[in-house]
Amino acid sequence: NEIWAVTAPGMIDYAVAKSDWAARIVSDDFGVEPTVFYAAMYAAAFFEKDVDRLVEHGLQALPPQGRFTRAVRYARELARENPDDWRAARRALAARYYGEFDYNRGAWPAVDAHLNGACAVLALLYGGGNFQRTLDLACAIGFDCDNQAATLGGFLGIANGLKAIPQN
């Protein structure tokens, strides 16, 4: 669903609305909030490069007390508390968000959109905008890590341009 944000450079509200609409076609529940979060970041990335400010754009698009909002805030808090230890942050995140809860009953916990979206936030923050480092961390931190790596790869391609993507 990030494609809607790609067609709306800098138009965060429009990108969020279109992505929300598209996400509800396939996952009219807890999978929508991460999509909206990414849409805001993608649209903002055309004009903003700072990862923390981009995460803030994503947060502003979410419901203030939403479940995913809390997960993103927690991921940021963990990154600040463990600036040199992404493994500790991942362990704490997994302890809180990996499992079956009221909102995801019957689903496989490893593919939970909130868990993996928060893992992507960790990868983004620890990667600091570096394309290769962020993708490596997305694969290491995530549970359904191919989706997060793809999403972050596209996002960093927008934010930093082709020159930031390693030749290999």
N, C-alpha and C. Protein backbone atom coordinates (compact mmCIF):
# COMPACT_ATOMS: atom_id res chain seq x y z
N ASN A 1 0.80 -1.22 0.00
CA ASN A 1 0.00 0.00 0.00
C ASN A 1 0.83 1.27 0.00
N GLU A 2 2.15 1.13 0.14
CA GLU A 2 3.01 2.31 0.12
C GLU A 2 2.98 3.02 -1.24
N ILE A 3 2.52 2.34 -2.27
CA ILE A 3 2.48 2.94 -3.60
C ILE A 3 1.66 4.23 -3.60
N TRP A 4 0.63 4.29 -2.76
CA TRP A 4 -0.19 5.50 -2.72
C TRP A 4 0.63 6.68 -2.21
N ALA A 5 1.53 6.43 -1.28
CA ALA A 5 2.37 7.51 -0.77
C ALA A 5 3.40 7.94 -1.81
N VAL A 6 3.88 6.98 -2.59
CA VAL A 6 4.87 7.31 -3.63
C VAL A 6 4.26 8.26 -4.66
N THR A 7 2.98 8.16 -4.88
CA THR A 7 2.31 9.03 -5.86
C THR A 7 1.91 10.37 -5.25
N ALA A 8 2.28 10.58 -3.97
CA ALA A 8 1.86 11.80 -3.28
C ALA A 8 3.03 12.44 -2.53
N PRO A 9 4.09 12.83 -3.24
CA PRO A 9 5.26 13.40 -2.56
C PRO A 9 4.90 14.61 -1.71
N GLY A 10 5.18 14.52 -0.43
CA GLY A 10 4.93 15.63 0.48
C GLY A 10 3.48 15.82 0.87
N MET A 11 2.57 15.11 0.24
CA MET A 11 1.14 15.25 0.53
C MET A 11 0.74 14.18 1.54
N ILE A 12 1.15 14.39 2.76
CA ILE A 12 1.02 13.36 3.80
C ILE A 12 -0.44 12.98 4.03
N ASP A 13 -1.31 13.96 4.20
CA ASP A 13 -2.72 13.66 4.48
C ASP A 13 -3.35 12.85 3.35
N TYR A 14 -3.05 13.22 2.12
CA TYR A 14 -3.59 12.49 0.96
C TYR A 14 -3.04 11.06 0.94
N ALA A 15 -1.74 10.91 1.14
CA ALA A 15 -1.11 9.58 1.14
C ALA A 15 -1.70 8.70 2.23
N VAL A 16 -1.91 9.28 3.39
CA VAL A 16 -2.49 8.53 4.51
C VAL A 16 -3.92 8.10 4.18
N ALA A 17 -4.71 9.00 3.65
CA ALA A 17 -6.11 8.67 3.33
C ALA A 17 -6.20 7.57 2.26
N LYS A 18 -5.40 7.69 1.21
CA LYS A 18 -5.43 6.68 0.15
C LYS A 18 -4.92 5.34 0.66
N SER A 19 -3.87 5.34 1.45
CA SER A 19 -3.31 4.09 1.98
C SER A 19 -4.27 3.44 2.96
N ASP A 20 -4.93 4.26 3.76
CA ASP A 20 -5.94 3.74 4.69
C ASP A 20 -7.06 3.05 3.91
N TRP A 21 -7.52 3.71 2.86
CA TRP A 21 -8.58 3.14 2.01
C TRP A 21 -8.14 1.80 1.43
N ALA A 22 -6.94 1.77 0.85
CA ALA A 22 -6.46 0.55 0.21
C ALA A 22 -6.22 -0.57 1.21
N ALA A 23 -5.69 -0.23 2.38
CA ALA A 23 -5.42 -1.25 3.39
C ALA A 23 -6.71 -1.89 3.89
N ARG A 24 -7.76 -1.12 3.97
CA ARG A 24 -9.03 -1.67 4.47
C ARG A 24 -9.68 -2.66 3.51
N ILE A 25 -9.23 -2.65 2.28
CA ILE A 25 -9.74 -3.64 1.32
C ILE A 25 -9.26 -5.03 1.70
N VAL A 26 -8.02 -5.14 2.19
CA VAL A 26 -7.45 -6.45 2.47
C VAL A 26 -7.33 -6.77 3.95
N SER A 27 -7.32 -5.76 4.83
CA SER A 27 -7.14 -6.06 6.25
C SER A 27 -7.83 -5.02 7.11
N ASP A 28 -9.12 -5.04 7.08
CA ASP A 28 -9.92 -4.03 7.76
C ASP A 28 -9.84 -4.17 9.28
N ASP A 29 -8.62 -4.13 9.80
CA ASP A 29 -8.47 -4.20 11.24
C ASP A 29 -7.08 -3.74 11.62
N PHE A 30 -6.38 -4.52 12.42
CA PHE A 30 -5.12 -4.05 13.00
C PHE A 30 -3.98 -3.88 12.01
N GLY A 31 -4.10 -4.39 10.80
CA GLY A 31 -3.06 -4.19 9.80
C GLY A 31 -3.09 -2.82 9.16
N VAL A 32 -4.14 -2.05 9.40
CA VAL A 32 -4.29 -0.75 8.76
C VAL A 32 -3.34 0.29 9.37
N GLU A 33 -3.21 0.30 10.67
CA GLU A 33 -2.39 1.33 11.31
C GLU A 33 -0.94 1.34 10.83
N PRO A 34 -0.26 0.19 10.72
CA PRO A 34 1.10 0.24 10.19
C PRO A 34 1.16 0.78 8.75
N THR A 35 0.17 0.47 7.95
CA THR A 35 0.13 0.98 6.58
C THR A 35 0.04 2.50 6.57
N VAL A 36 -0.82 3.03 7.40
CA VAL A 36 -0.99 4.48 7.51
C VAL A 36 0.31 5.13 7.99
N PHE A 37 0.96 4.50 8.95
CA PHE A 37 2.23 4.98 9.48
C PHE A 37 3.28 5.06 8.37
N TYR A 38 3.41 3.99 7.61
CA TYR A 38 4.37 3.98 6.51
C TYR A 38 4.01 5.00 5.44
N ALA A 39 2.73 5.15 5.16
CA ALA A 39 2.31 6.11 4.14
C ALA A 39 2.76 7.52 4.49
N ALA A 40 2.57 7.90 5.73
CA ALA A 40 2.99 9.23 6.17
C ALA A 40 4.50 9.39 6.03
N MET A 41 5.24 8.37 6.41
CA MET A 41 6.71 8.45 6.31
C MET A 41 7.15 8.49 4.86
N TYR A 42 6.56 7.67 4.01
CA TYR A 42 6.93 7.67 2.59
C TYR A 42 6.68 9.04 1.96
N ALA A 43 5.51 9.60 2.19
CA ALA A 43 5.19 10.90 1.59
C ALA A 43 6.13 11.99 2.12
N ALA A 44 6.44 11.93 3.39
CA ALA A 44 7.33 12.93 3.99
C ALA A 44 8.78 12.75 3.53
N ALA A 45 9.18 11.53 3.21
CA ALA A 45 10.57 11.23 2.87
C ALA A 45 11.05 11.92 1.60
N PHE A 46 10.14 12.41 0.80
CA PHE A 46 10.56 13.16 -0.39
C PHE A 46 11.24 14.47 -0.03
N PHE A 47 10.94 14.97 1.19
CA PHE A 47 11.45 16.28 1.59
C PHE A 47 12.15 16.27 2.95
N GLU A 48 12.14 15.15 3.62
CA GLU A 48 12.75 15.03 4.94
C GLU A 48 13.65 13.80 4.95
N LYS A 49 14.83 13.92 5.53
CA LYS A 49 15.78 12.79 5.55
C LYS A 49 16.02 12.23 6.95
N ASP A 50 15.76 13.01 7.99
CA ASP A 50 16.04 12.59 9.35
C ASP A 50 15.07 11.48 9.78
N VAL A 51 15.62 10.33 10.13
CA VAL A 51 14.76 9.17 10.43
C VAL A 51 13.86 9.41 11.64
N ASP A 52 14.37 10.05 12.66
CA ASP A 52 13.53 10.27 13.83
C ASP A 52 12.36 11.20 13.50
N ARG A 53 12.62 12.23 12.72
CA ARG A 53 11.52 13.13 12.32
C ARG A 53 10.53 12.41 11.40
N LEU A 54 11.03 11.50 10.58
CA LEU A 54 10.13 10.74 9.72
C LEU A 54 9.25 9.80 10.54
N VAL A 55 9.82 9.19 11.56
CA VAL A 55 9.01 8.36 12.46
C VAL A 55 7.94 9.23 13.13
N GLU A 56 8.30 10.44 13.48
CA GLU A 56 7.34 11.36 14.09
C GLU A 56 6.20 11.68 13.12
N HIS A 57 6.51 11.86 11.84
CA HIS A 57 5.45 12.06 10.83
C HIS A 57 4.51 10.86 10.84
N GLY A 58 5.08 9.66 10.89
CA GLY A 58 4.26 8.46 10.93
C GLY A 58 3.37 8.42 12.15
N LEU A 59 3.93 8.76 13.29
CA LEU A 59 3.14 8.78 14.54
C LEU A 59 2.00 9.78 14.47
N GLN A 60 2.23 10.92 13.87
CA GLN A 60 1.19 11.94 13.79
C GLN A 60 0.00 11.49 12.95
N ALA A 61 0.21 10.51 12.09
CA ALA A 61 -0.88 10.00 11.25
C ALA A 61 -1.72 8.94 11.97
N LEU A 62 -1.25 8.48 13.12
CA LEU A 62 -1.92 7.41 13.85
C LEU A 62 -2.86 7.94 14.92
N PRO A 63 -3.82 7.12 15.35
CA PRO A 63 -4.65 7.52 16.49
C PRO A 63 -3.76 7.69 17.72
N PRO A 64 -3.91 8.77 18.48
CA PRO A 64 -3.01 9.06 19.60
C PRO A 64 -2.87 7.92 20.61
N GLN A 65 -3.93 7.19 20.85
CA GLN A 65 -3.86 6.09 21.83
C GLN A 65 -3.98 4.73 21.16
N GLY A 66 -3.72 4.66 19.87
CA GLY A 66 -3.84 3.40 19.14
C GLY A 66 -2.83 2.35 19.59
N ARG A 67 -3.15 1.12 19.34
CA ARG A 67 -2.28 0.00 19.72
C ARG A 67 -0.92 0.12 19.01
N PHE A 68 -0.93 0.40 17.71
CA PHE A 68 0.32 0.51 16.99
C PHE A 68 1.09 1.77 17.39
N THR A 69 0.37 2.83 17.71
CA THR A 69 1.01 4.05 18.20
C THR A 69 1.84 3.72 19.44
N ARG A 70 1.25 2.96 20.35
CA ARG A 70 1.97 2.57 21.57
C ARG A 70 3.17 1.70 21.24
N ALA A 71 3.04 0.82 20.27
CA ALA A 71 4.15 -0.06 19.88
C ALA A 71 5.31 0.75 19.29
N VAL A 72 5.00 1.73 18.47
CA VAL A 72 6.04 2.58 17.87
C VAL A 72 6.73 3.39 18.96
N ARG A 73 5.95 3.96 19.85
CA ARG A 73 6.55 4.73 20.95
C ARG A 73 7.45 3.85 21.81
N TYR A 74 7.02 2.64 22.05
CA TYR A 74 7.83 1.71 22.84
C TYR A 74 9.12 1.36 22.11
N ALA A 75 9.05 1.14 20.82
CA ALA A 75 10.25 0.85 20.04
C ALA A 75 11.23 2.02 20.12
N ARG A 76 10.74 3.23 20.01
CA ARG A 76 11.61 4.41 20.14
C ARG A 76 12.25 4.47 21.52
N GLU A 77 11.45 4.20 22.52
CA GLU A 77 11.96 4.22 23.90
C GLU A 77 13.06 3.17 24.08
N LEU A 78 12.84 1.99 23.54
CA LEU A 78 13.84 0.93 23.64
C LEU A 78 15.14 1.30 22.93
N ALA A 79 15.02 1.93 21.77
CA ALA A 79 16.22 2.35 21.03
C ALA A 79 16.99 3.40 21.82
N ARG A 80 16.27 4.28 22.49
CA ARG A 80 16.94 5.31 23.30
C ARG A 80 17.60 4.70 24.54
N GLU A 81 16.93 3.73 25.14
CA GLU A 81 17.47 3.08 26.35
C GLU A 81 18.64 2.16 26.05
N ASN A 82 18.68 1.62 24.84
CA ASN A 82 19.71 0.66 24.44
C ASN A 82 20.39 1.13 23.16
N PRO A 83 21.05 2.27 23.18
CA PRO A 83 21.54 2.85 21.93
C PRO A 83 22.56 1.99 21.18
N ASP A 84 23.24 1.11 21.88
CA ASP A 84 24.26 0.27 21.25
C ASP A 84 23.92 -1.21 21.27
N ASP A 85 22.67 -1.53 21.58
CA ASP A 85 22.30 -2.95 21.73
C ASP A 85 20.91 -3.22 21.16
N TRP A 86 20.85 -3.38 19.84
CA TRP A 86 19.56 -3.64 19.20
C TRP A 86 19.00 -4.99 19.64
N ARG A 87 19.86 -5.93 20.01
CA ARG A 87 19.37 -7.24 20.46
C ARG A 87 18.55 -7.13 21.74
N ALA A 88 19.02 -6.30 22.66
CA ALA A 88 18.27 -6.08 23.90
C ALA A 88 16.92 -5.43 23.60
N ALA A 89 16.92 -4.48 22.69
CA ALA A 89 15.67 -3.82 22.31
C ALA A 89 14.72 -4.82 21.67
N ARG A 90 15.24 -5.67 20.80
CA ARG A 90 14.39 -6.68 20.14
C ARG A 90 13.80 -7.64 21.17
N ARG A 91 14.62 -8.08 22.12
CA ARG A 91 14.12 -9.00 23.15
C ARG A 91 12.97 -8.37 23.94
N ALA A 92 13.15 -7.12 24.34
CA ALA A 92 12.10 -6.44 25.11
C ALA A 92 10.84 -6.24 24.26
N LEU A 93 11.02 -5.89 23.01
CA LEU A 93 9.88 -5.70 22.11
C LEU A 93 9.13 -7.03 21.93
N ALA A 94 9.86 -8.09 21.71
CA ALA A 94 9.23 -9.41 21.54
C ALA A 94 8.51 -9.85 22.80
N ALA A 95 9.10 -9.57 23.95
CA ALA A 95 8.46 -9.96 25.21
C ALA A 95 7.10 -9.29 25.37
N ARG A 96 6.98 -8.09 24.84
CA ARG A 96 5.72 -7.36 24.98
C ARG A 96 4.73 -7.65 23.85
N TYR A 97 5.22 -7.85 22.62
CA TYR A 97 4.31 -7.88 21.47
C TYR A 97 4.24 -9.20 20.72
N TYR A 98 5.08 -10.16 21.01
CA TYR A 98 4.98 -11.45 20.32
C TYR A 98 4.00 -12.33 21.08
N GLY A 99 2.94 -12.73 20.43
CA GLY A 99 1.97 -13.60 21.08
C GLY A 99 0.58 -13.44 20.51
N GLU A 100 -0.33 -14.15 21.11
CA GLU A 100 -1.74 -14.07 20.72
C GLU A 100 -2.45 -13.16 21.71
N PHE A 101 -3.15 -12.18 21.17
CA PHE A 101 -3.85 -11.20 21.99
C PHE A 101 -5.30 -11.11 21.52
N ASP A 102 -6.10 -10.32 22.20
CA ASP A 102 -7.50 -10.19 21.81
C ASP A 102 -7.66 -9.76 20.36
N TYR A 103 -6.80 -8.90 19.86
CA TYR A 103 -6.96 -8.36 18.51
C TYR A 103 -6.46 -9.32 17.42
N ASN A 104 -5.63 -10.30 17.75
CA ASN A 104 -5.08 -11.19 16.70
C ASN A 104 -5.34 -12.67 16.98
N ARG A 105 -6.42 -12.96 17.66
CA ARG A 105 -6.75 -14.35 18.00
C ARG A 105 -6.74 -15.24 16.76
N GLY A 106 -6.07 -16.38 16.88
CA GLY A 106 -6.05 -17.35 15.80
C GLY A 106 -5.02 -17.06 14.72
N ALA A 107 -4.34 -15.95 14.81
CA ALA A 107 -3.32 -15.61 13.81
C ALA A 107 -1.96 -16.14 14.25
N TRP A 108 -1.07 -16.30 13.32
CA TRP A 108 0.29 -16.72 13.62
C TRP A 108 1.03 -15.49 14.16
N PRO A 109 1.50 -15.51 15.40
CA PRO A 109 2.13 -14.33 16.00
C PRO A 109 3.31 -13.76 15.21
N ALA A 110 4.03 -14.58 14.48
CA ALA A 110 5.21 -14.11 13.75
C ALA A 110 4.87 -13.13 12.63
N VAL A 111 3.63 -13.13 12.16
CA VAL A 111 3.27 -12.22 11.07
C VAL A 111 2.42 -11.05 11.55
N ASP A 112 2.34 -10.84 12.84
CA ASP A 112 1.55 -9.75 13.40
C ASP A 112 2.05 -8.41 12.88
N ALA A 113 1.14 -7.61 12.36
CA ALA A 113 1.50 -6.32 11.76
C ALA A 113 2.07 -5.34 12.78
N HIS A 114 1.57 -5.36 14.00
CA HIS A 114 2.08 -4.43 15.01
C HIS A 114 3.47 -4.83 15.47
N LEU A 115 3.66 -6.09 15.73
CA LEU A 115 4.99 -6.57 16.12
C LEU A 115 6.01 -6.24 15.05
N ASN A 116 5.73 -6.60 13.82
CA ASN A 116 6.70 -6.40 12.75
C ASN A 116 6.87 -4.93 12.38
N GLY A 117 5.81 -4.16 12.48
CA GLY A 117 5.94 -2.72 12.25
C GLY A 117 6.85 -2.08 13.29
N ALA A 118 6.71 -2.50 14.54
CA ALA A 118 7.58 -1.98 15.60
C ALA A 118 9.02 -2.46 15.39
N CYS A 119 9.19 -3.68 14.90
CA CYS A 119 10.53 -4.18 14.58
C CYS A 119 11.16 -3.33 13.48
N ALA A 120 10.36 -2.92 12.52
CA ALA A 120 10.87 -2.07 11.44
C ALA A 120 11.31 -0.72 11.99
N VAL A 121 10.59 -0.19 12.96
CA VAL A 121 10.98 1.07 13.57
C VAL A 121 12.34 0.90 14.25
N LEU A 122 12.54 -0.21 14.95
CA LEU A 122 13.85 -0.47 15.55
C LEU A 122 14.94 -0.51 14.48
N ALA A 123 14.69 -1.23 13.41
CA ALA A 123 15.68 -1.33 12.33
C ALA A 123 15.98 0.04 11.74
N LEU A 124 14.97 0.84 11.55
CA LEU A 124 15.15 2.17 11.00
C LEU A 124 15.98 3.05 11.94
N LEU A 125 15.66 3.01 13.20
CA LEU A 125 16.37 3.85 14.17
C LEU A 125 17.82 3.38 14.35
N TYR A 126 18.01 2.09 14.49
CA TYR A 126 19.38 1.58 14.65
C TYR A 126 20.17 1.70 13.35
N GLY A 127 19.49 1.64 12.23
CA GLY A 127 20.17 1.79 10.94
C GLY A 127 20.54 3.22 10.63
N GLY A 128 19.87 4.17 11.26
CA GLY A 128 20.20 5.57 11.13
C GLY A 128 20.14 6.14 9.73
N GLY A 129 19.36 5.54 8.86
CA GLY A 129 19.25 6.03 7.49
C GLY A 129 20.20 5.36 6.52
N ASN A 130 21.11 4.53 7.03
CA ASN A 130 22.03 3.80 6.16
C ASN A 130 21.28 2.63 5.53
N PHE A 131 21.25 2.59 4.22
CA PHE A 131 20.45 1.61 3.50
C PHE A 131 20.82 0.17 3.88
N GLN A 132 22.07 -0.21 3.71
CA GLN A 132 22.47 -1.59 3.96
C GLN A 132 22.29 -1.98 5.42
N ARG A 133 22.71 -1.11 6.32
CA ARG A 133 22.60 -1.41 7.75
C ARG A 133 21.13 -1.58 8.14
N THR A 134 20.27 -0.73 7.63
CA THR A 134 18.85 -0.82 7.96
C THR A 134 18.25 -2.12 7.44
N LEU A 135 18.58 -2.51 6.21
CA LEU A 135 18.04 -3.76 5.67
C LEU A 135 18.57 -4.97 6.43
N ASP A 136 19.86 -4.94 6.78
CA ASP A 136 20.42 -6.02 7.58
C ASP A 136 19.67 -6.15 8.91
N LEU A 137 19.44 -5.01 9.55
CA LEU A 137 18.73 -5.03 10.83
C LEU A 137 17.27 -5.42 10.67
N ALA A 138 16.64 -5.00 9.59
CA ALA A 138 15.24 -5.38 9.36
C ALA A 138 15.11 -6.89 9.28
N CYS A 139 16.06 -7.53 8.62
CA CYS A 139 16.04 -8.99 8.51
C CYS A 139 16.38 -9.65 9.84
N ALA A 140 17.26 -9.05 10.61
CA ALA A 140 17.66 -9.64 11.89
C ALA A 140 16.63 -9.41 12.99
N ILE A 141 15.99 -8.26 12.98
CA ILE A 141 15.07 -7.90 14.07
C ILE A 141 13.67 -8.42 13.82
N GLY A 142 13.20 -8.37 12.58
CA GLY A 142 11.82 -8.71 12.28
C GLY A 142 11.50 -10.19 12.42
N PHE A 143 10.25 -10.48 12.56
CA PHE A 143 9.77 -11.86 12.60
C PHE A 143 9.27 -12.27 11.22
N ASP A 144 8.58 -11.35 10.57
CA ASP A 144 8.15 -11.50 9.18
C ASP A 144 9.01 -10.49 8.40
N CYS A 145 10.30 -10.76 8.41
CA CYS A 145 11.28 -9.72 8.08
C CYS A 145 11.38 -9.37 6.61
N ASP A 146 10.89 -10.20 5.71
CA ASP A 146 10.99 -9.82 4.29
C ASP A 146 10.11 -8.61 3.99
N ASN A 147 8.94 -8.55 4.59
CA ASN A 147 8.06 -7.40 4.36
C ASN A 147 8.67 -6.11 4.89
N GLN A 148 9.21 -6.18 6.08
CA GLN A 148 9.78 -4.96 6.68
C GLN A 148 11.00 -4.49 5.90
N ALA A 149 11.84 -5.42 5.47
CA ALA A 149 13.02 -5.03 4.69
C ALA A 149 12.60 -4.38 3.37
N ALA A 150 11.60 -4.94 2.71
CA ALA A 150 11.13 -4.36 1.45
C ALA A 150 10.54 -2.97 1.67
N THR A 151 9.73 -2.83 2.69
CA THR A 151 9.12 -1.54 2.99
C THR A 151 10.19 -0.50 3.31
N LEU A 152 11.15 -0.86 4.15
CA LEU A 152 12.20 0.09 4.52
C LEU A 152 13.15 0.37 3.36
N GLY A 153 13.38 -0.61 2.51
CA GLY A 153 14.23 -0.38 1.33
C GLY A 153 13.62 0.66 0.42
N GLY A 154 12.33 0.54 0.15
CA GLY A 154 11.65 1.54 -0.67
C GLY A 154 11.65 2.90 -0.02
N PHE A 155 11.40 2.91 1.25
CA PHE A 155 11.37 4.15 2.02
C PHE A 155 12.72 4.87 1.98
N LEU A 156 13.80 4.14 2.24
CA LEU A 156 15.12 4.76 2.23
C LEU A 156 15.56 5.15 0.82
N GLY A 157 15.07 4.42 -0.18
CA GLY A 157 15.34 4.83 -1.56
C GLY A 157 14.75 6.19 -1.86
N ILE A 158 13.56 6.45 -1.35
CA ILE A 158 12.93 7.76 -1.52
C ILE A 158 13.69 8.81 -0.71
N ALA A 159 13.94 8.50 0.55
CA ALA A 159 14.56 9.49 1.44
C ALA A 159 15.97 9.88 1.00
N ASN A 160 16.74 8.91 0.56
CA ASN A 160 18.16 9.18 0.30
C ASN A 160 18.56 9.08 -1.17
N GLY A 161 17.67 8.63 -2.01
CA GLY A 161 17.96 8.56 -3.44
C GLY A 161 18.79 7.36 -3.83
N LEU A 162 18.92 7.19 -5.12
CA LEU A 162 19.64 6.05 -5.69
C LEU A 162 21.09 5.99 -5.23
N LYS A 163 21.70 7.13 -5.03
CA LYS A 163 23.11 7.17 -4.63
C LYS A 163 23.35 6.48 -3.29
N ALA A 164 22.33 6.38 -2.44
CA ALA A 164 22.50 5.76 -1.13
C ALA A 164 22.34 4.24 -1.15
N ILE A 165 21.92 3.70 -2.30
CA ILE A 165 21.74 2.24 -2.39
C ILE A 165 23.08 1.65 -2.85
N PRO A 166 23.65 0.73 -2.06
CA PRO A 166 24.94 0.15 -2.43
C PRO A 166 24.90 -0.52 -3.80
N GLN A 167 25.99 -0.44 -4.51
CA GLN A 167 26.07 -1.02 -5.84
C GLN A 167 25.75 -2.52 -5.84
N ASN A 168 26.17 -3.22 -4.77
CA ASN A 168 25.94 -4.67 -4.72
C ASN A 168 24.49 -4.98 -4.38
